[in-house]
Structures are given as C-alpha cells and as structure tokens.
C-alpha atoms as a PDB file:
ATOM      1  CA  UNK A   1      24.834 202.918  30.408  1.00  0.00           C
ATOM      2  CA  UNK A   2      23.388 199.453  30.977  1.00  0.00           C
ATOM      3  CA  UNK A   3      25.909 196.722  31.762  1.00  0.00           C
ATOM      4  CA  UNK A   4      24.613 193.168  31.517  1.00  0.00           C
ATOM      5  CA  UNK A   5      26.901 190.900  33.433  1.00  0.00           C
ATOM      6  CA  UNK A   6      27.485 192.531  36.842  1.00  0.00           C
ATOM      7  CA  UNK A   7      26.164 192.262  40.394  1.00  0.00           C
ATOM      8  CA  UNK A   8      23.643 195.062  40.209  1.00  0.00           C
ATOM      9  CA  UNK A   9      21.558 195.260  43.331  1.00  0.00           C
ATOM     10  CA  UNK A  10      22.349 195.984  46.935  1.00  0.00           C
ATOM     11  CA  UNK A  11      19.664 193.414  47.704  1.00  0.00           C
ATOM     12  CA  UNK A  12      22.047 190.740  46.415  1.00  0.00           C
ATOM     13  CA  UNK A  13      25.277 192.123  47.826  1.00  0.00           C
ATOM     14  CA  UNK A  14      26.177 188.688  49.184  1.00  0.00           C
ATOM     15  CA  UNK A  15      26.241 187.182  45.703  1.00  0.00           C
ATOM     16  CA  UNK A  16      29.556 186.469  43.956  1.00  0.00           C
ATOM     17  CA  UNK A  17      31.188 189.382  42.173  1.00  0.00           C
ATOM     18  CA  UNK A  18      31.537 189.196  38.407  1.00  0.00           C
ATOM     19  CA  UNK A  19      34.806 188.671  36.627  1.00  0.00           C
ATOM     20  CA  UNK A  20      36.646 191.621  35.149  1.00  0.00           C
ATOM     21  CA  UNK A  21      35.571 190.508  31.672  1.00  0.00           C
ATOM     22  CA  UNK A  22      32.019 191.701  31.182  1.00  0.00           C
ATOM     23  CA  UNK A  23      29.871 189.372  29.121  1.00  0.00           C
ATOM     24  CA  UNK A  24      26.922 190.683  27.206  1.00  0.00           C
ATOM     25  CA  UNK A  25      24.264 189.575  24.748  1.00  0.00           C
ATOM     26  CA  UNK A  26      24.590 186.098  23.233  1.00  0.00           C
ATOM     27  CA  UNK A  27      27.896 185.381  24.988  1.00  0.00           C
ATOM     28  CA  UNK A  28      26.318 185.970  28.379  1.00  0.00           C
ATOM     29  CA  UNK A  29      23.127 184.089  27.553  1.00  0.00           C
ATOM     30  CA  UNK A  30      25.057 181.063  26.265  1.00  0.00           C
ATOM     31  CA  UNK A  31      27.123 180.997  29.455  1.00  0.00           C
ATOM     32  CA  UNK A  32      23.981 181.109  31.599  1.00  0.00           C
ATOM     33  CA  UNK A  33      22.258 178.353  29.626  1.00  0.00           C
ATOM     34  CA  UNK A  34      25.316 176.102  29.703  1.00  0.00           C
ATOM     35  CA  UNK A  35      25.571 176.610  33.452  1.00  0.00           C
ATOM     36  CA  UNK A  36      21.859 175.837  33.807  1.00  0.00           C
ATOM     37  CA  UNK A  37      22.235 172.612  31.803  1.00  0.00           C
ATOM     38  CA  UNK A  38      25.184 171.551  33.956  1.00  0.00           C
ATOM     39  CA  UNK A  39      23.102 172.197  37.073  1.00  0.00           C
ATOM     40  CA  UNK A  40      20.232 170.120  35.702  1.00  0.00           C
ATOM     41  CA  UNK A  41      22.500 167.194  34.868  1.00  0.00           C
ATOM     42  CA  UNK A  42      24.212 167.412  38.260  1.00  0.00           C
ATOM     43  CA  UNK A  43      21.128 167.371  40.465  1.00  0.00           C
ATOM     44  CA  UNK A  44      18.056 167.010  38.287  1.00  0.00           C
ATOM     45  CA  UNK A  45      15.220 169.504  38.405  1.00  0.00           C
ATOM     46  CA  UNK A  46      14.658 168.675  42.072  1.00  0.00           C
ATOM     47  CA  UNK A  47      18.051 170.168  42.926  1.00  0.00           C
ATOM     48  CA  UNK A  48      17.919 172.894  40.295  1.00  0.00           C
ATOM     49  CA  UNK A  49      18.093 176.420  41.717  1.00  0.00           C
ATOM     50  CA  UNK A  50      18.626 179.908  40.350  1.00  0.00           C
ATOM     51  CA  UNK A  51      21.270 180.384  43.040  1.00  0.00           C
ATOM     52  CA  UNK A  52      23.153 177.328  41.802  1.00  0.00           C
ATOM     53  CA  UNK A  53      23.106 178.543  38.217  1.00  0.00           C
ATOM     54  CA  UNK A  54      24.254 182.000  39.312  1.00  0.00           C
ATOM     55  CA  UNK A  55      27.176 180.541  41.246  1.00  0.00           C
ATOM     56  CA  UNK A  56      28.164 178.174  38.449  1.00  0.00           C
ATOM     57  CA  UNK A  57      28.052 180.923  35.809  1.00  0.00           C
ATOM     58  CA  UNK A  58      29.761 183.513  38.019  1.00  0.00           C
ATOM     59  CA  UNK A  59      26.898 185.972  37.784  1.00  0.00           C
ATOM     60  CA  UNK A  60      24.010 187.218  39.919  1.00  0.00           C
ATOM     61  CA  UNK A  61      20.440 186.045  40.305  1.00  0.00           C
ATOM     62  CA  UNK A  62      19.272 189.419  39.053  1.00  0.00           C
ATOM     63  CA  UNK A  63      21.005 188.875  35.702  1.00  0.00           C
ATOM     64  CA  UNK A  64      19.245 185.516  35.354  1.00  0.00           C
ATOM     65  CA  UNK A  65      15.814 186.794  36.407  1.00  0.00           C
ATOM     66  CA  UNK A  66      15.992 189.489  33.738  1.00  0.00           C
ATOM     67  CA  UNK A  67      15.779 186.718  31.150  1.00  0.00           C
ATOM     68  CA  UNK A  68      13.799 183.900  32.790  1.00  0.00           C
ATOM     69  CA  UNK A  69      11.182 184.663  35.397  1.00  0.00           C
ATOM     70  CA  UNK A  70      10.892 181.170  36.858  1.00  0.00           C
ATOM     71  CA  UNK A  71      12.911 178.050  37.490  1.00  0.00           C
ATOM     72  CA  UNK A  72      10.907 175.951  34.959  1.00  0.00           C
ATOM     73  CA  UNK A  73      11.405 178.609  32.260  1.00  0.00           C
ATOM     74  CA  UNK A  74      15.163 178.532  32.763  1.00  0.00           C
ATOM     75  CA  UNK A  75      15.208 174.720  32.748  1.00  0.00           C
ATOM     76  CA  UNK A  76      13.285 174.585  29.460  1.00  0.00           C
ATOM     77  CA  UNK A  77      15.603 177.181  27.902  1.00  0.00           C
ATOM     78  CA  UNK A  78      18.647 175.182  29.010  1.00  0.00           C
ATOM     79  CA  UNK A  79      17.318 171.971  27.457  1.00  0.00           C
ATOM     80  CA  UNK A  80      16.524 173.744  24.194  1.00  0.00           C
ATOM     81  CA  UNK A  81      19.986 175.286  24.139  1.00  0.00           C
ATOM     82  CA  UNK A  82      21.659 171.911  24.684  1.00  0.00           C
ATOM     83  CA  UNK A  83      19.570 170.338  21.915  1.00  0.00           C
ATOM     84  CA  UNK A  84      20.244 173.121  19.431  1.00  0.00           C
ATOM     85  CA  UNK A  85      23.985 173.205  20.103  1.00  0.00           C
ATOM     86  CA  UNK A  86      24.331 169.435  19.658  1.00  0.00           C
ATOM     87  CA  UNK A  87      22.812 169.124  16.201  1.00  0.00           C
ATOM     88  CA  UNK A  88      23.292 166.017  14.090  1.00  0.00           C
ATOM     89  CA  UNK A  89      24.346 166.311  10.436  1.00  0.00           C
ATOM     90  CA  UNK A  90      22.162 165.030   7.604  1.00  0.00           C
ATOM     91  CA  UNK A  91      23.865 161.815   6.368  1.00  0.00           C
ATOM     92  CA  UNK A  92      21.908 161.597   3.038  1.00  0.00           C
ATOM     93  CA  UNK A  93      23.742 158.442   1.974  1.00  0.00           C
ATOM     94  CA  UNK A  94      21.131 157.286  -0.515  1.00  0.00           C
ATOM     95  CA  UNK A  95      19.684 154.472   1.609  1.00  0.00           C
ATOM     96  CA  UNK A  96      17.413 154.535   4.646  1.00  0.00           C
ATOM     97  CA  UNK A  97      19.496 151.942   6.463  1.00  0.00           C
ATOM     98  CA  UNK A  98      22.711 153.926   6.220  1.00  0.00           C
ATOM     99  CA  UNK A  99      21.001 157.249   6.960  1.00  0.00           C
ATOM    100  CA  UNK A 100      19.407 155.906  10.125  1.00  0.00           C
ATOM    101  CA  UNK A 101      22.557 154.227  11.366  1.00  0.00           C
ATOM    102  CA  UNK A 102      24.656 157.359  10.838  1.00  0.00           C
ATOM    103  CA  UNK A 103      21.985 159.647  12.279  1.00  0.00           C
ATOM    104  CA  UNK A 104      21.413 157.519  15.376  1.00  0.00           C
ATOM    105  CA  UNK A 105      25.081 156.770  16.001  1.00  0.00           C
ATOM    106  CA  UNK A 106      26.154 160.412  15.741  1.00  0.00           C
ATOM    107  CA  UNK A 107      23.158 161.465  17.829  1.00  0.00           C
ATOM    108  CA  UNK A 108      24.058 159.000  20.574  1.00  0.00           C
ATOM    109  CA  UNK A 109      27.551 160.511  20.739  1.00  0.00           C
ATOM    110  CA  UNK A 110      26.520 164.164  20.631  1.00  0.00           C
ATOM    111  CA  UNK A 111      23.418 163.864  22.792  1.00  0.00           C
ATOM    112  CA  UNK A 112      24.240 161.089  25.237  1.00  0.00           C
ATOM    113  CA  UNK A 113      23.813 163.406  28.246  1.00  0.00           C
ATOM    114  CA  UNK A 114      20.347 164.305  27.001  1.00  0.00           C
ATOM    115  CA  UNK A 115      19.374 160.677  26.371  1.00  0.00           C
ATOM    116  CA  UNK A 116      20.498 159.544  29.822  1.00  0.00           C
ATOM    117  CA  UNK A 117      19.062 162.573  31.616  1.00  0.00           C
ATOM    118  CA  UNK A 118      15.563 162.330  30.172  1.00  0.00           C
ATOM    119  CA  UNK A 119      15.329 158.553  30.304  1.00  0.00           C
ATOM    120  CA  UNK A 120      16.176 158.719  34.009  1.00  0.00           C
ATOM    121  CA  UNK A 121      14.646 160.829  36.768  1.00  0.00           C
ATOM    122  CA  UNK A 122      16.294 164.137  35.903  1.00  0.00           C
ATOM    123  CA  UNK A 123      13.087 165.973  35.020  1.00  0.00           C
ATOM    124  CA  UNK A 124      10.511 164.078  37.058  1.00  0.00           C
ATOM    125  CA  UNK A 125      10.117 166.953  39.517  1.00  0.00           C
ATOM    126  CA  UNK A 126       9.637 169.306  36.573  1.00  0.00           C
ATOM    127  CA  UNK A 127       6.817 167.164  35.196  1.00  0.00           C
ATOM    128  CA  UNK A 128       5.135 167.086  38.612  1.00  0.00           C
ATOM    129  CA  UNK A 129       5.450 170.838  39.081  1.00  0.00           C
ATOM    130  CA  UNK A 130       4.215 171.742  35.600  1.00  0.00           C
ATOM    131  CA  UNK A 131       1.679 168.889  35.284  1.00  0.00           C
ATOM    132  CA  UNK A 132       3.249 167.748  32.007  1.00  0.00           C
ATOM    133  CA  UNK A 133       4.906 164.566  30.743  1.00  0.00           C
ATOM    134  CA  UNK A 134       8.023 163.721  28.782  1.00  0.00           C
ATOM    135  CA  UNK A 135       5.855 163.209  25.727  1.00  0.00           C
ATOM    136  CA  UNK A 136       4.429 166.732  26.156  1.00  0.00           C
ATOM    137  CA  UNK A 137       7.947 168.069  26.519  1.00  0.00           C
ATOM    138  CA  UNK A 138       9.197 166.280  23.430  1.00  0.00           C
ATOM    139  CA  UNK A 139       6.276 167.328  21.226  1.00  0.00           C
ATOM    140  CA  UNK A 140       5.722 170.902  22.364  1.00  0.00           C
ATOM    141  CA  UNK A 141       8.956 172.190  23.864  1.00  0.00           C
ATOM    142  CA  UNK A 142      11.809 170.541  22.002  1.00  0.00           C
ATOM    143  CA  UNK A 143      12.341 171.561  18.376  1.00  0.00           C
ATOM    144  CA  UNK A 144      10.774 169.099  15.948  1.00  0.00           C
ATOM    145  CA  UNK A 145      13.106 166.593  14.355  1.00  0.00           C
ATOM    146  CA  UNK A 146      12.800 167.976  10.843  1.00  0.00           C
ATOM    147  CA  UNK A 147      15.861 166.045   9.731  1.00  0.00           C
ATOM    148  CA  UNK A 148      14.351 162.716  10.787  1.00  0.00           C
ATOM    149  CA  UNK A 149      11.178 163.541   8.856  1.00  0.00           C
ATOM    150  CA  UNK A 150      13.360 164.260   5.826  1.00  0.00           C
ATOM    151  CA  UNK A 151      15.168 160.937   6.172  1.00  0.00           C
ATOM    152  CA  UNK A 152      11.856 159.077   6.207  1.00  0.00           C
ATOM    153  CA  UNK A 153      10.475 161.182   3.329  1.00  0.00           C
ATOM    154  CA  UNK A 154      13.424 160.327   1.106  1.00  0.00           C
ATOM    155  CA  UNK A 155      13.074 156.635   1.937  1.00  0.00           C
ATOM    156  CA  UNK A 156       9.396 156.686   0.996  1.00  0.00           C
ATOM    157  CA  UNK A 157      10.166 158.416  -2.307  1.00  0.00           C
ATOM    158  CA  UNK A 158      12.820 155.781  -3.088  1.00  0.00           C
ATOM    159  CA  UNK A 159      10.277 153.048  -2.400  1.00  0.00           C
ATOM    160  CA  UNK A 160      12.321 151.580   0.451  1.00  0.00           C
ATOM    161  CA  UNK A 161       9.524 151.489   3.007  1.00  0.00           C
ATOM    162  CA  UNK A 162       5.747 151.258   3.096  1.00  0.00           C
ATOM    163  CA  UNK A 163       4.366 154.614   4.360  1.00  0.00           C
ATOM    164  CA  UNK A 164       1.251 152.795   5.623  1.00  0.00           C
ATOM    165  CA  UNK A 165       3.458 150.962   8.117  1.00  0.00           C
ATOM    166  CA  UNK A 166       5.278 154.087   9.325  1.00  0.00           C
ATOM    167  CA  UNK A 167       2.981 155.118  12.163  1.00  0.00           C
ATOM    168  CA  UNK A 168       4.244 157.691  14.638  1.00  0.00           C
ATOM    169  CA  UNK A 169       4.902 154.920  17.156  1.00  0.00           C
ATOM    170  CA  UNK A 170       6.900 152.845  14.679  1.00  0.00           C
ATOM    171  CA  UNK A 171       8.799 155.922  13.455  1.00  0.00           C
ATOM    172  CA  UNK A 172       9.931 156.720  17.003  1.00  0.00           C
ATOM    173  CA  UNK A 173      10.716 153.084  17.927  1.00  0.00           C
ATOM    174  CA  UNK A 174      14.433 153.044  16.977  1.00  0.00           C
ATOM    175  CA  UNK A 175      15.013 156.202  19.003  1.00  0.00           C
ATOM    176  CA  UNK A 176      13.061 154.900  21.980  1.00  0.00           C
ATOM    177  CA  UNK A 177      15.358 151.868  21.949  1.00  0.00           C
ATOM    178  CA  UNK A 178      18.391 154.111  21.540  1.00  0.00           C
ATOM    179  CA  UNK A 179      17.401 156.135  24.633  1.00  0.00           C
ATOM    180  CA  UNK A 180      16.905 152.967  26.639  1.00  0.00           C
ATOM    181  CA  UNK A 181      20.315 151.626  25.612  1.00  0.00           C
ATOM    182  CA  UNK A 182      21.995 154.916  26.538  1.00  0.00           C
ATOM    183  CA  UNK A 183      20.215 154.976  29.904  1.00  0.00           C
ATOM    184  CA  UNK A 184      21.294 151.438  30.739  1.00  0.00           C
ATOM    185  CA  UNK A 185      24.970 152.095  30.004  1.00  0.00           C
ATOM    186  CA  UNK A 186      25.329 155.862  30.524  1.00  0.00           C
ATOM    187  CA  UNK A 187      27.490 155.927  27.407  1.00  0.00           C
ATOM    188  CA  UNK A 188      27.109 156.545  23.661  1.00  0.00           C
ATOM    189  CA  UNK A 189      25.445 153.549  22.026  1.00  0.00           C
ATOM    190  CA  UNK A 190      27.930 151.364  20.091  1.00  0.00           C
ATOM    191  CA  UNK A 191      27.546 151.281  16.340  1.00  0.00           C
ATOM    192  CA  UNK A 192      26.929 147.528  16.453  1.00  0.00           C
ATOM    193  CA  UNK A 193      23.917 148.064  18.740  1.00  0.00           C
ATOM    194  CA  UNK A 194      22.570 150.800  16.448  1.00  0.00           C
ATOM    195  CA  UNK A 195      22.886 148.454  13.471  1.00  0.00           C
ATOM    196  CA  UNK A 196      21.039 145.730  15.371  1.00  0.00           C
ATOM    197  CA  UNK A 197      18.160 148.103  16.186  1.00  0.00           C
ATOM    198  CA  UNK A 198      17.877 149.194  12.570  1.00  0.00           C
ATOM    199  CA  UNK A 199      18.399 145.810  10.858  1.00  0.00           C
ATOM    200  CA  UNK A 200      16.648 143.405  13.184  1.00  0.00           C
ATOM    201  CA  UNK A 201      13.837 145.505  14.645  1.00  0.00           C
ATOM    202  CA  UNK A 202      12.958 148.618  12.642  1.00  0.00           C
ATOM    203  CA  UNK A 203      13.447 147.767   8.962  1.00  0.00           C
ATOM    204  CA  UNK A 204      11.472 144.473   9.078  1.00  0.00           C
ATOM    205  CA  UNK A 205       8.510 146.464  10.433  1.00  0.00           C
ATOM    206  CA  UNK A 206       8.386 149.032   7.622  1.00  0.00           C
ATOM    207  CA  UNK A 207       9.572 147.272   4.466  1.00  0.00           C
ATOM    208  CA  UNK A 208       7.266 146.150   1.690  1.00  0.00           C
ATOM    209  CA  UNK A 209       6.589 142.378   1.661  1.00  0.00           C
ATOM    210  CA  UNK A 210       8.948 140.445  -0.593  1.00  0.00           C
END
C-alpha cells in the first residue's frame, strides 16, 4: 500500500522522520505549498531549497520531488497556492469607485505578503534562472484577475467610465501604485491611501469629460 507522507528511501535516511499523523492528498499538498511559500518569503528564491521546504513541512525531499521536479516548479506552485487561498470577494456595490476601493483595500490586507515580496527582490533570482520577468509571471503564471475585469465591465455598462481610455496600462495603474505603497511600508495599505489613488489618480483618467 502506498503511503504519501513518510520518509521512503534509504538514500535519504538522514532526513527528518515524519510525524505519527500521516498526511495524504490535498492535506499533504497544501502543507507542502504553504511551507514552500514561507521559505520563499523568508529567503527569496535565491535562498529557496527543496531541503528547506522539506524541513519546514516535516517531510522528505522524495515526497516533494514526486510532485514538483524542479525548484522553479515548486516556487511557481507555491505562489499560485498563496494567490488562490487569499481570494478577494466581489464588492459589487453599484459604483466603480466603491468597488475599486473595497477590492483594493481588502486585497492589500489579504495579499500584503505577495505585494511586498514581488515588488522587492524576492523572485529576482527566479527571473534570472528562468529568463522571464515579473510581467511574464503575472500574465502567464498567475491566474487572471477575472473579478477585476468584471468590475471594469460593470462600470462601462453603467456609463461611469470611457472604455476608450481604459488601456491595459491605465487599468493596472491603481494596482501598480498599491504594490508600491505596500512595498514602501511593508504593511497593508490604509484605506485613506486607497481612496486617494482611486479618487485623485485613476478616476480622472477614465471618466467621460463633463
């Protein structure tokens, strides 16, 4: 019978022994991915090792290698897991201003570690090793922000903003500023700062002329 979460090979006999409670399936995978994320945040990709994840999760390297063949693969899976387990609710307040403020403020609370980590140097070694950029990572590896697209779609249907002014660069601007604010402070962005980004910078760029 196959048992997932144990030290399985004599080749790794020096690795830590597993706990009496045997974790399997999704429970085990979640524990590994959470440990991997913690390792990334602690030392960045430059200090990210399979051995470190194994020690932090209380499992063996063999258990990890069964699921992710390389260090970059495990790092990507850990980032995806963090993103997916820190989802932001759809505010759907009836106005673009309120939707954006609620969405950004809640996101800055739930995802502050992500914002700080990626705005800093946490993944620079990853980008060098894989010959990619943060923009590549955001577009191709992270799940698309379907909820943000929905927020903008509703605003366009209500006639709140001019779709001709909502280029991809302008659409991402409030969140670029949010990441920068989080990086500078290392904390969730205050609601007052979110309101300033939305009211004084973003909305004047996309509204119809009065």
